[in-house]
Amino acid sequence: MHWVLLANGPLELSPKVRAMVSSAERLIGVDGGSRHLESLGVLPHLAVGDMDSIPEQLLAHYKGEGVEMHLHPPKKDATDLELALELALERGASRISILGATGGRLDHTLGNLFLLARCLPSGIPACVMDQDQCIHLTDQALTLTGTIGDTLSLLPATPQVSGVSLTGLEYPLQDATLTFGTSWGMSNVFVEPQATVTVRSGRMFVFHLFSS
């Protein structure tokens, strides 16, 4: 089951973002991220957070419509997005997409990206997406569907990522090793509609930047 989580970061409601929301089998409004759904005229299945950034009238509307509420105190040891992600995993999500988790504060963006690590032990496909890009964290093979001319960048998330192979891209790799802090994997280009990234050991952030 595909769960889509709407966080409170900046988000342009582009065609790709709208398509992602439409593909959801379960929608979570993460605190003020529910305002993105309000702009689309869509009710979430669940609302999660301390609700310090959601408009009061929208929160009242959700309660009136019977939206499942998961309320948390402002002082807690996890962000609202982490709590929403854990809930999706507990409820049996088989795919998770996170919107509204980039832009704004850089610490929030980085923290949100590293939350993808929570999905790796169970092998659940997960990404952070906005109107410009889709970001994955992988420790195995990952196949991406895009458009010729799209950009793909790799950033190691562990001290070393070995057995890195790339196909469908302008600059292929075969059994390469990338180390944390290197820019070697930046700004590759799709030359086929599908690109595959294979990792033998370690963890790698894969950035798919849309050309249109």
N, C-alpha and C. Protein backbone atom coordinates (compact mmCIF):
# COMPACT_ATOMS: atom_id res chain seq x y z
N MET A 1 0.85 -1.19 0.00
CA MET A 1 0.00 0.00 0.00
C MET A 1 0.88 1.24 0.00
N HIS A 2 0.60 2.16 -0.91
CA HIS A 2 1.39 3.37 -1.07
C HIS A 2 0.90 4.45 -0.12
N TRP A 3 1.77 4.88 0.78
CA TRP A 3 1.46 5.97 1.70
C TRP A 3 2.21 7.21 1.25
N VAL A 4 1.52 8.35 1.21
CA VAL A 4 2.14 9.63 0.88
C VAL A 4 1.99 10.55 2.08
N LEU A 5 3.12 11.09 2.53
CA LEU A 5 3.16 11.96 3.71
C LEU A 5 3.42 13.39 3.25
N LEU A 6 2.58 14.32 3.69
CA LEU A 6 2.71 15.73 3.34
C LEU A 6 3.27 16.48 4.53
N ALA A 7 4.54 16.89 4.45
CA ALA A 7 5.18 17.66 5.52
C ALA A 7 5.00 19.15 5.28
N ASN A 8 5.53 19.96 6.21
CA ASN A 8 5.20 21.38 6.25
C ASN A 8 6.19 22.28 5.50
N GLY A 9 7.08 21.69 4.72
CA GLY A 9 8.03 22.51 3.98
C GLY A 9 7.41 23.12 2.73
N PRO A 10 8.16 24.00 2.05
CA PRO A 10 7.67 24.59 0.81
C PRO A 10 7.39 23.51 -0.23
N LEU A 11 6.33 23.69 -0.99
CA LEU A 11 5.98 22.70 -2.01
C LEU A 11 5.16 23.36 -3.10
N GLU A 12 5.66 23.28 -4.32
CA GLU A 12 4.90 23.73 -5.48
C GLU A 12 4.04 22.58 -5.97
N LEU A 13 2.77 22.82 -6.17
CA LEU A 13 1.85 21.75 -6.56
C LEU A 13 1.93 21.52 -8.07
N SER A 14 3.09 21.03 -8.49
CA SER A 14 3.36 20.76 -9.90
C SER A 14 2.59 19.53 -10.36
N PRO A 15 2.53 19.28 -11.66
CA PRO A 15 1.86 18.05 -12.14
C PRO A 15 2.44 16.78 -11.53
N LYS A 16 3.76 16.71 -11.35
CA LYS A 16 4.35 15.52 -10.76
C LYS A 16 3.92 15.36 -9.31
N VAL A 17 3.85 16.45 -8.57
CA VAL A 17 3.42 16.39 -7.17
C VAL A 17 1.95 15.98 -7.09
N ARG A 18 1.12 16.57 -7.95
CA ARG A 18 -0.29 16.21 -7.97
C ARG A 18 -0.49 14.74 -8.31
N ALA A 19 0.30 14.23 -9.25
CA ALA A 19 0.20 12.82 -9.63
C ALA A 19 0.59 11.92 -8.47
N MET A 20 1.62 12.34 -7.71
CA MET A 20 2.04 11.55 -6.56
C MET A 20 0.93 11.49 -5.51
N VAL A 21 0.31 12.63 -5.23
CA VAL A 21 -0.80 12.66 -4.26
C VAL A 21 -1.94 11.78 -4.75
N SER A 22 -2.24 11.85 -6.03
CA SER A 22 -3.35 11.05 -6.59
C SER A 22 -3.07 9.56 -6.52
N SER A 23 -1.78 9.18 -6.53
CA SER A 23 -1.44 7.76 -6.51
C SER A 23 -1.50 7.15 -5.12
N ALA A 24 -1.68 7.97 -4.11
CA ALA A 24 -1.65 7.49 -2.73
C ALA A 24 -2.86 6.64 -2.40
N GLU A 25 -2.61 5.56 -1.68
CA GLU A 25 -3.69 4.77 -1.10
C GLU A 25 -3.98 5.21 0.33
N ARG A 26 -3.01 5.86 0.95
CA ARG A 26 -3.19 6.48 2.26
C ARG A 26 -2.43 7.80 2.26
N LEU A 27 -3.08 8.85 2.75
CA LEU A 27 -2.48 10.18 2.84
C LEU A 27 -2.37 10.58 4.30
N ILE A 28 -1.19 11.08 4.70
CA ILE A 28 -1.02 11.63 6.04
C ILE A 28 -0.69 13.11 5.92
N GLY A 29 -1.49 13.93 6.56
CA GLY A 29 -1.16 15.35 6.71
C GLY A 29 -0.31 15.51 7.95
N VAL A 30 0.96 15.89 7.76
CA VAL A 30 1.90 16.01 8.88
C VAL A 30 1.86 17.46 9.37
N ASP A 31 1.11 17.70 10.44
CA ASP A 31 0.94 19.03 11.02
C ASP A 31 0.58 20.03 9.93
N GLY A 32 1.36 21.11 9.77
CA GLY A 32 1.02 22.14 8.79
C GLY A 32 1.11 21.69 7.35
N GLY A 33 1.66 20.51 7.11
CA GLY A 33 1.69 19.98 5.76
C GLY A 33 0.31 19.73 5.20
N SER A 34 -0.67 19.67 6.09
CA SER A 34 -2.05 19.49 5.63
C SER A 34 -2.54 20.64 4.76
N ARG A 35 -1.89 21.80 4.87
CA ARG A 35 -2.33 22.94 4.05
C ARG A 35 -2.10 22.67 2.57
N HIS A 36 -1.10 21.82 2.23
CA HIS A 36 -0.89 21.45 0.84
C HIS A 36 -2.09 20.65 0.32
N LEU A 37 -2.58 19.75 1.16
CA LEU A 37 -3.75 18.96 0.78
C LEU A 37 -4.99 19.84 0.67
N GLU A 38 -5.09 20.82 1.57
CA GLU A 38 -6.23 21.75 1.51
C GLU A 38 -6.23 22.49 0.18
N SER A 39 -5.05 22.87 -0.31
CA SER A 39 -4.96 23.57 -1.59
C SER A 39 -5.43 22.69 -2.74
N LEU A 40 -5.31 21.38 -2.57
CA LEU A 40 -5.76 20.44 -3.59
C LEU A 40 -7.21 20.01 -3.39
N GLY A 41 -7.81 20.46 -2.30
CA GLY A 41 -9.18 20.05 -1.99
C GLY A 41 -9.29 18.59 -1.60
N VAL A 42 -8.24 18.09 -0.92
CA VAL A 42 -8.17 16.67 -0.57
C VAL A 42 -8.09 16.53 0.94
N LEU A 43 -8.85 15.58 1.49
CA LEU A 43 -8.77 15.25 2.91
C LEU A 43 -7.74 14.15 3.12
N PRO A 44 -6.90 14.26 4.16
CA PRO A 44 -6.01 13.14 4.48
C PRO A 44 -6.79 12.02 5.16
N HIS A 45 -6.21 10.82 5.12
CA HIS A 45 -6.78 9.73 5.90
C HIS A 45 -6.41 9.88 7.37
N LEU A 46 -5.21 10.45 7.62
CA LEU A 46 -4.73 10.65 8.98
C LEU A 46 -4.06 12.01 9.08
N ALA A 47 -4.09 12.61 10.26
CA ALA A 47 -3.35 13.83 10.56
C ALA A 47 -2.48 13.55 11.77
N VAL A 48 -1.19 13.90 11.67
CA VAL A 48 -0.22 13.55 12.70
C VAL A 48 0.57 14.79 13.09
N GLY A 49 0.83 14.94 14.40
CA GLY A 49 1.71 16.01 14.84
C GLY A 49 1.25 16.69 16.10
N ASP A 50 2.00 17.73 16.49
CA ASP A 50 1.60 18.51 17.66
C ASP A 50 0.63 19.63 17.28
N MET A 51 0.40 19.80 15.98
CA MET A 51 -0.59 20.73 15.42
C MET A 51 -0.32 22.18 15.82
N ASP A 52 0.96 22.53 15.87
CA ASP A 52 1.30 23.91 16.19
C ASP A 52 1.40 24.79 14.94
N SER A 53 1.32 24.17 13.76
CA SER A 53 1.44 24.96 12.53
C SER A 53 0.29 24.73 11.55
N ILE A 54 -0.73 24.04 11.98
CA ILE A 54 -1.90 23.85 11.13
C ILE A 54 -2.94 24.91 11.49
N PRO A 55 -3.58 25.54 10.51
CA PRO A 55 -4.63 26.53 10.85
C PRO A 55 -5.73 25.89 11.70
N GLU A 56 -6.19 26.65 12.70
CA GLU A 56 -7.19 26.10 13.63
C GLU A 56 -8.46 25.67 12.91
N GLN A 57 -8.89 26.45 11.91
CA GLN A 57 -10.12 26.08 11.21
C GLN A 57 -9.96 24.80 10.41
N LEU A 58 -8.73 24.55 9.90
CA LEU A 58 -8.50 23.31 9.16
C LEU A 58 -8.50 22.12 10.11
N LEU A 59 -7.90 22.31 11.28
CA LEU A 59 -7.91 21.23 12.27
C LEU A 59 -9.34 20.92 12.71
N ALA A 60 -10.14 21.95 12.92
CA ALA A 60 -11.54 21.74 13.30
C ALA A 60 -12.30 21.03 12.18
N HIS A 61 -11.99 21.39 10.93
CA HIS A 61 -12.64 20.73 9.78
C HIS A 61 -12.31 19.25 9.75
N TYR A 62 -11.04 18.92 10.00
CA TYR A 62 -10.65 17.51 10.01
C TYR A 62 -11.40 16.74 11.09
N LYS A 63 -11.50 17.34 12.27
CA LYS A 63 -12.21 16.66 13.36
C LYS A 63 -13.68 16.45 12.98
N GLY A 64 -14.27 17.46 12.34
CA GLY A 64 -15.66 17.34 11.93
C GLY A 64 -15.88 16.29 10.86
N GLU A 65 -14.87 16.09 10.01
CA GLU A 65 -14.96 15.11 8.92
C GLU A 65 -14.54 13.71 9.35
N GLY A 66 -14.13 13.57 10.60
CA GLY A 66 -13.76 12.26 11.11
C GLY A 66 -12.39 11.77 10.67
N VAL A 67 -11.49 12.71 10.32
CA VAL A 67 -10.13 12.31 9.96
C VAL A 67 -9.45 11.72 11.20
N GLU A 68 -8.76 10.60 11.02
CA GLU A 68 -8.07 9.96 12.14
C GLU A 68 -6.94 10.86 12.62
N MET A 69 -6.97 11.21 13.91
CA MET A 69 -6.03 12.17 14.47
C MET A 69 -5.01 11.46 15.36
N HIS A 70 -3.74 11.82 15.19
CA HIS A 70 -2.68 11.33 16.07
C HIS A 70 -1.97 12.56 16.62
N LEU A 71 -2.39 13.00 17.80
CA LEU A 71 -1.89 14.24 18.38
C LEU A 71 -0.73 13.96 19.32
N HIS A 72 0.29 14.81 19.26
CA HIS A 72 1.49 14.65 20.09
C HIS A 72 1.82 15.97 20.77
N PRO A 73 2.47 15.92 21.92
CA PRO A 73 2.85 17.16 22.61
C PRO A 73 3.97 17.88 21.85
N PRO A 74 4.05 19.19 22.00
CA PRO A 74 5.12 19.94 21.33
C PRO A 74 6.52 19.50 21.77
N LYS A 75 6.68 19.16 23.04
CA LYS A 75 7.98 18.71 23.52
C LYS A 75 8.06 17.19 23.41
N LYS A 76 8.87 16.72 22.46
CA LYS A 76 8.97 15.29 22.18
C LYS A 76 10.34 15.01 21.60
N ASP A 77 10.66 13.73 21.49
CA ASP A 77 11.99 13.32 21.06
C ASP A 77 12.06 12.97 19.57
N ALA A 78 11.02 13.25 18.83
CA ALA A 78 10.99 12.95 17.39
C ALA A 78 10.21 14.06 16.69
N THR A 79 10.57 14.32 15.45
CA THR A 79 9.81 15.31 14.68
C THR A 79 8.46 14.73 14.29
N ASP A 80 7.55 15.63 13.91
CA ASP A 80 6.24 15.18 13.45
C ASP A 80 6.38 14.24 12.25
N LEU A 81 7.31 14.53 11.36
CA LEU A 81 7.48 13.68 10.18
C LEU A 81 7.97 12.29 10.57
N GLU A 82 8.90 12.22 11.51
CA GLU A 82 9.37 10.90 11.95
C GLU A 82 8.23 10.10 12.55
N LEU A 83 7.38 10.75 13.35
CA LEU A 83 6.23 10.06 13.94
C LEU A 83 5.27 9.57 12.86
N ALA A 84 5.07 10.38 11.84
CA ALA A 84 4.18 9.97 10.74
C ALA A 84 4.78 8.80 9.96
N LEU A 85 6.09 8.84 9.75
CA LEU A 85 6.76 7.75 9.03
C LEU A 85 6.67 6.45 9.82
N GLU A 86 6.90 6.53 11.11
CA GLU A 86 6.79 5.33 11.95
C GLU A 86 5.37 4.76 11.91
N LEU A 87 4.38 5.63 11.89
CA LEU A 87 3.00 5.18 11.83
C LEU A 87 2.73 4.46 10.50
N ALA A 88 3.23 5.01 9.41
CA ALA A 88 3.05 4.36 8.11
C ALA A 88 3.71 2.98 8.10
N LEU A 89 4.89 2.87 8.69
CA LEU A 89 5.56 1.57 8.74
C LEU A 89 4.78 0.58 9.61
N GLU A 90 4.27 1.06 10.74
CA GLU A 90 3.49 0.19 11.63
C GLU A 90 2.21 -0.30 10.96
N ARG A 91 1.63 0.53 10.10
CA ARG A 91 0.37 0.19 9.45
C ARG A 91 0.58 -0.65 8.17
N GLY A 92 1.80 -1.03 7.88
CA GLY A 92 2.03 -1.95 6.78
C GLY A 92 2.25 -1.32 5.43
N ALA A 93 2.75 -0.08 5.39
CA ALA A 93 3.04 0.55 4.10
C ALA A 93 4.03 -0.30 3.31
N SER A 94 3.78 -0.44 2.01
CA SER A 94 4.71 -1.17 1.13
C SER A 94 5.51 -0.20 0.26
N ARG A 95 5.14 1.07 0.28
CA ARG A 95 5.86 2.13 -0.42
C ARG A 95 5.54 3.44 0.28
N ILE A 96 6.54 4.31 0.46
CA ILE A 96 6.33 5.56 1.16
C ILE A 96 6.95 6.70 0.35
N SER A 97 6.17 7.74 0.12
CA SER A 97 6.65 8.94 -0.55
C SER A 97 6.40 10.13 0.36
N ILE A 98 7.40 10.99 0.50
CA ILE A 98 7.31 12.14 1.40
C ILE A 98 7.41 13.41 0.58
N LEU A 99 6.43 14.28 0.74
CA LEU A 99 6.38 15.56 0.05
C LEU A 99 6.47 16.69 1.08
N GLY A 100 6.94 17.86 0.65
CA GLY A 100 7.03 19.00 1.55
C GLY A 100 8.12 18.86 2.60
N ALA A 101 9.17 18.09 2.27
CA ALA A 101 10.23 17.83 3.25
C ALA A 101 11.55 18.47 2.85
N THR A 102 11.56 19.28 1.80
CA THR A 102 12.77 19.96 1.35
C THR A 102 12.54 21.47 1.36
N GLY A 103 13.61 22.23 1.16
CA GLY A 103 13.48 23.68 1.19
C GLY A 103 13.42 24.19 2.61
N GLY A 104 13.47 25.52 2.77
CA GLY A 104 13.44 26.08 4.12
C GLY A 104 14.72 25.78 4.86
N ARG A 105 14.62 25.42 6.12
CA ARG A 105 15.80 25.18 6.96
C ARG A 105 16.59 23.97 6.48
N LEU A 106 17.90 24.15 6.33
CA LEU A 106 18.74 23.06 5.84
C LEU A 106 18.81 21.91 6.83
N ASP A 107 18.80 22.21 8.14
CA ASP A 107 18.83 21.12 9.12
C ASP A 107 17.59 20.25 9.01
N HIS A 108 16.43 20.88 8.76
CA HIS A 108 15.21 20.10 8.58
C HIS A 108 15.30 19.23 7.33
N THR A 109 15.80 19.82 6.23
CA THR A 109 15.90 19.05 4.99
C THR A 109 16.81 17.83 5.18
N LEU A 110 17.99 18.04 5.76
CA LEU A 110 18.92 16.93 5.96
C LEU A 110 18.32 15.88 6.92
N GLY A 111 17.71 16.34 7.99
CA GLY A 111 17.09 15.41 8.92
C GLY A 111 16.01 14.58 8.25
N ASN A 112 15.22 15.23 7.39
CA ASN A 112 14.16 14.51 6.68
C ASN A 112 14.73 13.48 5.72
N LEU A 113 15.83 13.83 5.03
CA LEU A 113 16.45 12.87 4.11
C LEU A 113 16.97 11.65 4.86
N PHE A 114 17.59 11.88 6.01
CA PHE A 114 18.15 10.76 6.76
C PHE A 114 17.05 9.86 7.37
N LEU A 115 15.82 10.38 7.47
CA LEU A 115 14.72 9.52 7.93
C LEU A 115 14.47 8.36 6.97
N LEU A 116 14.89 8.50 5.72
CA LEU A 116 14.72 7.41 4.76
C LEU A 116 15.42 6.14 5.23
N ALA A 117 16.43 6.29 6.08
CA ALA A 117 17.14 5.12 6.61
C ALA A 117 16.22 4.21 7.40
N ARG A 118 15.12 4.76 7.94
CA ARG A 118 14.20 3.93 8.74
C ARG A 118 13.51 2.88 7.88
N CYS A 119 13.49 3.09 6.56
CA CYS A 119 12.80 2.16 5.66
C CYS A 119 13.72 1.08 5.11
N LEU A 120 15.04 1.24 5.25
CA LEU A 120 15.97 0.29 4.65
C LEU A 120 15.90 -1.12 5.25
N PRO A 121 15.83 -1.28 6.59
CA PRO A 121 15.84 -2.65 7.13
C PRO A 121 14.70 -3.51 6.61
N SER A 122 13.55 -2.91 6.34
CA SER A 122 12.40 -3.68 5.85
C SER A 122 12.33 -3.71 4.33
N GLY A 123 13.25 -3.01 3.65
CA GLY A 123 13.27 -3.04 2.19
C GLY A 123 12.11 -2.31 1.54
N ILE A 124 11.48 -1.39 2.27
CA ILE A 124 10.34 -0.67 1.72
C ILE A 124 10.83 0.50 0.87
N PRO A 125 10.43 0.57 -0.41
CA PRO A 125 10.84 1.70 -1.25
C PRO A 125 10.32 3.01 -0.66
N ALA A 126 11.19 4.00 -0.57
CA ALA A 126 10.81 5.29 0.02
C ALA A 126 11.58 6.39 -0.68
N CYS A 127 10.96 7.56 -0.75
CA CYS A 127 11.63 8.71 -1.36
C CYS A 127 11.12 9.99 -0.74
N VAL A 128 11.94 11.03 -0.87
CA VAL A 128 11.53 12.40 -0.57
C VAL A 128 11.44 13.12 -1.91
N MET A 129 10.30 13.74 -2.17
CA MET A 129 10.09 14.33 -3.49
C MET A 129 9.57 15.75 -3.37
N ASP A 130 9.98 16.61 -4.31
CA ASP A 130 9.34 17.91 -4.48
C ASP A 130 9.14 18.14 -5.97
N GLN A 131 8.83 19.36 -6.35
CA GLN A 131 8.51 19.64 -7.74
C GLN A 131 9.72 19.51 -8.67
N ASP A 132 10.93 19.49 -8.11
CA ASP A 132 12.14 19.48 -8.92
C ASP A 132 12.89 18.17 -8.92
N GLN A 133 12.64 17.31 -7.93
CA GLN A 133 13.51 16.15 -7.75
C GLN A 133 12.85 15.08 -6.90
N CYS A 134 13.44 13.89 -6.98
CA CYS A 134 13.05 12.78 -6.12
C CYS A 134 14.33 12.19 -5.56
N ILE A 135 14.38 11.99 -4.25
CA ILE A 135 15.60 11.59 -3.57
C ILE A 135 15.37 10.24 -2.87
N HIS A 136 16.28 9.31 -3.11
CA HIS A 136 16.21 7.99 -2.53
C HIS A 136 17.46 7.73 -1.69
N LEU A 137 17.35 6.81 -0.74
CA LEU A 137 18.49 6.29 -0.01
C LEU A 137 18.49 4.79 -0.22
N THR A 138 19.56 4.26 -0.81
CA THR A 138 19.54 2.85 -1.17
C THR A 138 20.80 2.14 -0.69
N ASP A 139 20.66 0.84 -0.45
CA ASP A 139 21.79 -0.02 -0.14
C ASP A 139 21.78 -1.26 -1.05
N GLN A 140 21.05 -1.15 -2.16
CA GLN A 140 20.93 -2.26 -3.10
C GLN A 140 20.67 -1.69 -4.49
N ALA A 141 20.13 -2.50 -5.39
CA ALA A 141 19.84 -2.01 -6.74
C ALA A 141 18.59 -1.13 -6.73
N LEU A 142 18.63 -0.06 -7.52
CA LEU A 142 17.52 0.88 -7.61
C LEU A 142 17.35 1.26 -9.07
N THR A 143 16.15 1.05 -9.60
CA THR A 143 15.85 1.42 -10.99
C THR A 143 14.90 2.61 -10.98
N LEU A 144 15.28 3.65 -11.73
CA LEU A 144 14.49 4.88 -11.78
C LEU A 144 13.97 5.08 -13.20
N THR A 145 12.71 5.49 -13.30
CA THR A 145 12.12 5.83 -14.58
C THR A 145 12.07 7.34 -14.71
N GLY A 146 12.60 7.86 -15.81
CA GLY A 146 12.63 9.30 -16.00
C GLY A 146 12.52 9.67 -17.45
N THR A 147 13.13 10.78 -17.79
CA THR A 147 13.13 11.31 -19.14
C THR A 147 14.56 11.50 -19.58
N ILE A 148 14.86 11.20 -20.82
CA ILE A 148 16.20 11.45 -21.34
C ILE A 148 16.54 12.92 -21.13
N GLY A 149 17.70 13.16 -20.53
CA GLY A 149 18.09 14.53 -20.17
C GLY A 149 17.94 14.83 -18.71
N ASP A 150 17.21 14.00 -17.95
CA ASP A 150 17.15 14.17 -16.50
C ASP A 150 18.54 14.01 -15.90
N THR A 151 18.73 14.59 -14.73
CA THR A 151 20.02 14.52 -14.03
C THR A 151 19.95 13.53 -12.88
N LEU A 152 21.03 12.79 -12.68
CA LEU A 152 21.13 11.87 -11.55
C LEU A 152 22.45 12.14 -10.83
N SER A 153 22.38 12.32 -9.51
CA SER A 153 23.56 12.55 -8.69
C SER A 153 23.61 11.53 -7.56
N LEU A 154 24.82 11.14 -7.19
CA LEU A 154 25.04 10.18 -6.12
C LEU A 154 25.85 10.83 -5.01
N LEU A 155 25.42 10.61 -3.76
CA LEU A 155 26.18 11.09 -2.60
C LEU A 155 26.25 9.96 -1.58
N PRO A 156 27.45 9.46 -1.28
CA PRO A 156 27.56 8.41 -0.26
C PRO A 156 27.05 8.89 1.09
N ALA A 157 26.32 8.02 1.77
CA ALA A 157 25.80 8.32 3.10
C ALA A 157 26.54 7.53 4.18
N THR A 158 27.51 6.72 3.77
CA THR A 158 28.36 5.97 4.67
C THR A 158 29.81 6.24 4.27
N PRO A 159 30.79 5.93 5.14
CA PRO A 159 32.18 6.25 4.80
C PRO A 159 32.61 5.73 3.44
N GLN A 160 32.07 4.57 3.05
CA GLN A 160 32.43 3.99 1.75
C GLN A 160 31.23 3.27 1.17
N VAL A 161 31.03 3.42 -0.13
CA VAL A 161 30.00 2.67 -0.85
C VAL A 161 30.72 1.93 -1.97
N SER A 162 30.67 0.61 -1.94
CA SER A 162 31.42 -0.18 -2.90
C SER A 162 30.46 -0.94 -3.83
N GLY A 163 31.02 -1.41 -4.93
CA GLY A 163 30.22 -2.15 -5.91
C GLY A 163 29.20 -1.28 -6.60
N VAL A 164 29.53 -0.01 -6.85
CA VAL A 164 28.59 0.91 -7.49
C VAL A 164 28.67 0.75 -9.00
N SER A 165 27.53 0.38 -9.60
CA SER A 165 27.44 0.25 -11.05
C SER A 165 26.25 1.06 -11.54
N LEU A 166 26.41 1.68 -12.70
CA LEU A 166 25.36 2.52 -13.28
C LEU A 166 25.10 2.11 -14.72
N THR A 167 23.83 2.06 -15.09
CA THR A 167 23.45 1.86 -16.49
C THR A 167 22.37 2.86 -16.85
N GLY A 168 22.25 3.13 -18.17
CA GLY A 168 21.24 4.06 -18.65
C GLY A 168 21.62 5.51 -18.50
N LEU A 169 22.90 5.76 -18.19
CA LEU A 169 23.37 7.11 -17.92
C LEU A 169 24.56 7.44 -18.84
N GLU A 170 24.79 8.73 -19.02
CA GLU A 170 25.86 9.18 -19.91
C GLU A 170 27.23 8.70 -19.44
N TYR A 171 27.43 8.67 -18.11
CA TYR A 171 28.72 8.26 -17.55
C TYR A 171 28.51 6.99 -16.73
N PRO A 172 28.67 5.82 -17.35
CA PRO A 172 28.44 4.57 -16.62
C PRO A 172 29.57 4.29 -15.64
N LEU A 173 29.26 3.50 -14.63
CA LEU A 173 30.27 3.00 -13.70
C LEU A 173 30.13 1.49 -13.61
N GLN A 174 31.22 0.83 -13.28
CA GLN A 174 31.20 -0.62 -13.10
C GLN A 174 32.02 -0.98 -11.87
N ASP A 175 31.34 -1.44 -10.84
CA ASP A 175 31.98 -1.92 -9.62
C ASP A 175 32.92 -0.86 -9.02
N ALA A 176 32.47 0.38 -8.99
CA ALA A 176 33.29 1.47 -8.46
C ALA A 176 33.10 1.61 -6.95
N THR A 177 34.01 2.33 -6.32
CA THR A 177 33.92 2.64 -4.90
C THR A 177 33.87 4.15 -4.74
N LEU A 178 32.86 4.64 -4.05
CA LEU A 178 32.72 6.07 -3.75
C LEU A 178 32.87 6.26 -2.25
N THR A 179 33.54 7.31 -1.85
CA THR A 179 33.76 7.58 -0.43
C THR A 179 33.01 8.83 -0.01
N PHE A 180 32.67 8.87 1.26
CA PHE A 180 31.94 10.01 1.83
C PHE A 180 32.73 11.30 1.62
N GLY A 181 32.07 12.30 1.11
CA GLY A 181 32.71 13.58 0.88
C GLY A 181 33.17 13.80 -0.54
N THR A 182 33.08 12.76 -1.39
CA THR A 182 33.49 12.92 -2.78
C THR A 182 32.35 13.48 -3.61
N SER A 183 32.69 14.20 -4.69
CA SER A 183 31.68 14.71 -5.63
C SER A 183 31.70 13.93 -6.94
N TRP A 184 32.35 12.78 -6.94
CA TRP A 184 32.52 11.99 -8.15
C TRP A 184 31.18 11.63 -8.80
N GLY A 185 30.15 11.39 -7.99
CA GLY A 185 28.89 10.90 -8.54
C GLY A 185 27.90 11.99 -8.93
N MET A 186 28.35 13.24 -8.99
CA MET A 186 27.43 14.34 -9.24
C MET A 186 27.12 14.52 -10.73
N SER A 187 25.89 14.92 -11.01
CA SER A 187 25.46 15.46 -12.32
C SER A 187 25.69 14.51 -13.48
N ASN A 188 25.25 13.27 -13.34
CA ASN A 188 25.16 12.35 -14.47
C ASN A 188 23.87 12.64 -15.22
N VAL A 189 23.69 12.04 -16.40
CA VAL A 189 22.55 12.39 -17.25
C VAL A 189 21.89 11.12 -17.79
N PHE A 190 20.56 11.07 -17.72
CA PHE A 190 19.80 9.98 -18.32
C PHE A 190 19.99 9.99 -19.85
N VAL A 191 20.39 8.85 -20.41
CA VAL A 191 20.43 8.70 -21.87
C VAL A 191 19.42 7.65 -22.32
N GLU A 192 18.72 7.06 -21.36
CA GLU A 192 17.64 6.11 -21.61
C GLU A 192 16.50 6.45 -20.66
N PRO A 193 15.28 5.97 -20.95
CA PRO A 193 14.15 6.27 -20.06
C PRO A 193 14.29 5.67 -18.66
N GLN A 194 15.14 4.66 -18.52
CA GLN A 194 15.37 4.07 -17.21
C GLN A 194 16.86 4.07 -16.89
N ALA A 195 17.18 4.32 -15.64
CA ALA A 195 18.55 4.27 -15.15
C ALA A 195 18.59 3.36 -13.93
N THR A 196 19.66 2.58 -13.82
CA THR A 196 19.80 1.66 -12.69
C THR A 196 21.07 1.98 -11.92
N VAL A 197 20.92 2.05 -10.61
CA VAL A 197 22.04 2.22 -9.68
C VAL A 197 22.14 0.95 -8.86
N THR A 198 23.30 0.32 -8.87
CA THR A 198 23.51 -0.89 -8.08
C THR A 198 24.58 -0.62 -7.03
N VAL A 199 24.29 -1.05 -5.80
CA VAL A 199 25.21 -0.88 -4.67
C VAL A 199 25.42 -2.25 -4.02
N ARG A 200 26.69 -2.63 -3.80
CA ARG A 200 26.96 -3.91 -3.15
C ARG A 200 27.03 -3.75 -1.63
N SER A 201 27.67 -2.68 -1.16
CA SER A 201 27.72 -2.44 0.29
C SER A 201 27.78 -0.94 0.54
N GLY A 202 27.24 -0.54 1.68
CA GLY A 202 27.15 0.88 2.00
C GLY A 202 25.78 1.44 1.63
N ARG A 203 25.62 2.73 1.91
CA ARG A 203 24.35 3.41 1.63
C ARG A 203 24.62 4.65 0.80
N MET A 204 23.74 4.87 -0.18
CA MET A 204 23.93 5.95 -1.13
C MET A 204 22.65 6.77 -1.30
N PHE A 205 22.78 8.10 -1.22
CA PHE A 205 21.68 8.96 -1.63
C PHE A 205 21.71 9.08 -3.15
N VAL A 206 20.54 8.91 -3.75
CA VAL A 206 20.39 9.02 -5.20
C VAL A 206 19.40 10.14 -5.48
N PHE A 207 19.88 11.18 -6.14
CA PHE A 207 19.06 12.35 -6.46
C PHE A 207 18.66 12.27 -7.94
N HIS A 208 17.37 12.21 -8.20
CA HIS A 208 16.84 12.24 -9.57
C HIS A 208 16.22 13.62 -9.78
N LEU A 209 16.90 14.45 -10.58
CA LEU A 209 16.43 15.81 -10.85
C LEU A 209 15.71 15.84 -12.18
N PHE A 210 14.47 16.33 -12.16
CA PHE A 210 13.64 16.32 -13.35
C PHE A 210 14.08 17.44 -14.31
N SER A 211 14.12 17.10 -15.61
CA SER A 211 14.47 18.12 -16.60
C SER A 211 13.26 18.92 -17.04
N SER A 212 12.05 18.40 -16.78
CA SER A 212 10.83 19.13 -17.15
C SER A 212 9.69 18.70 -16.24
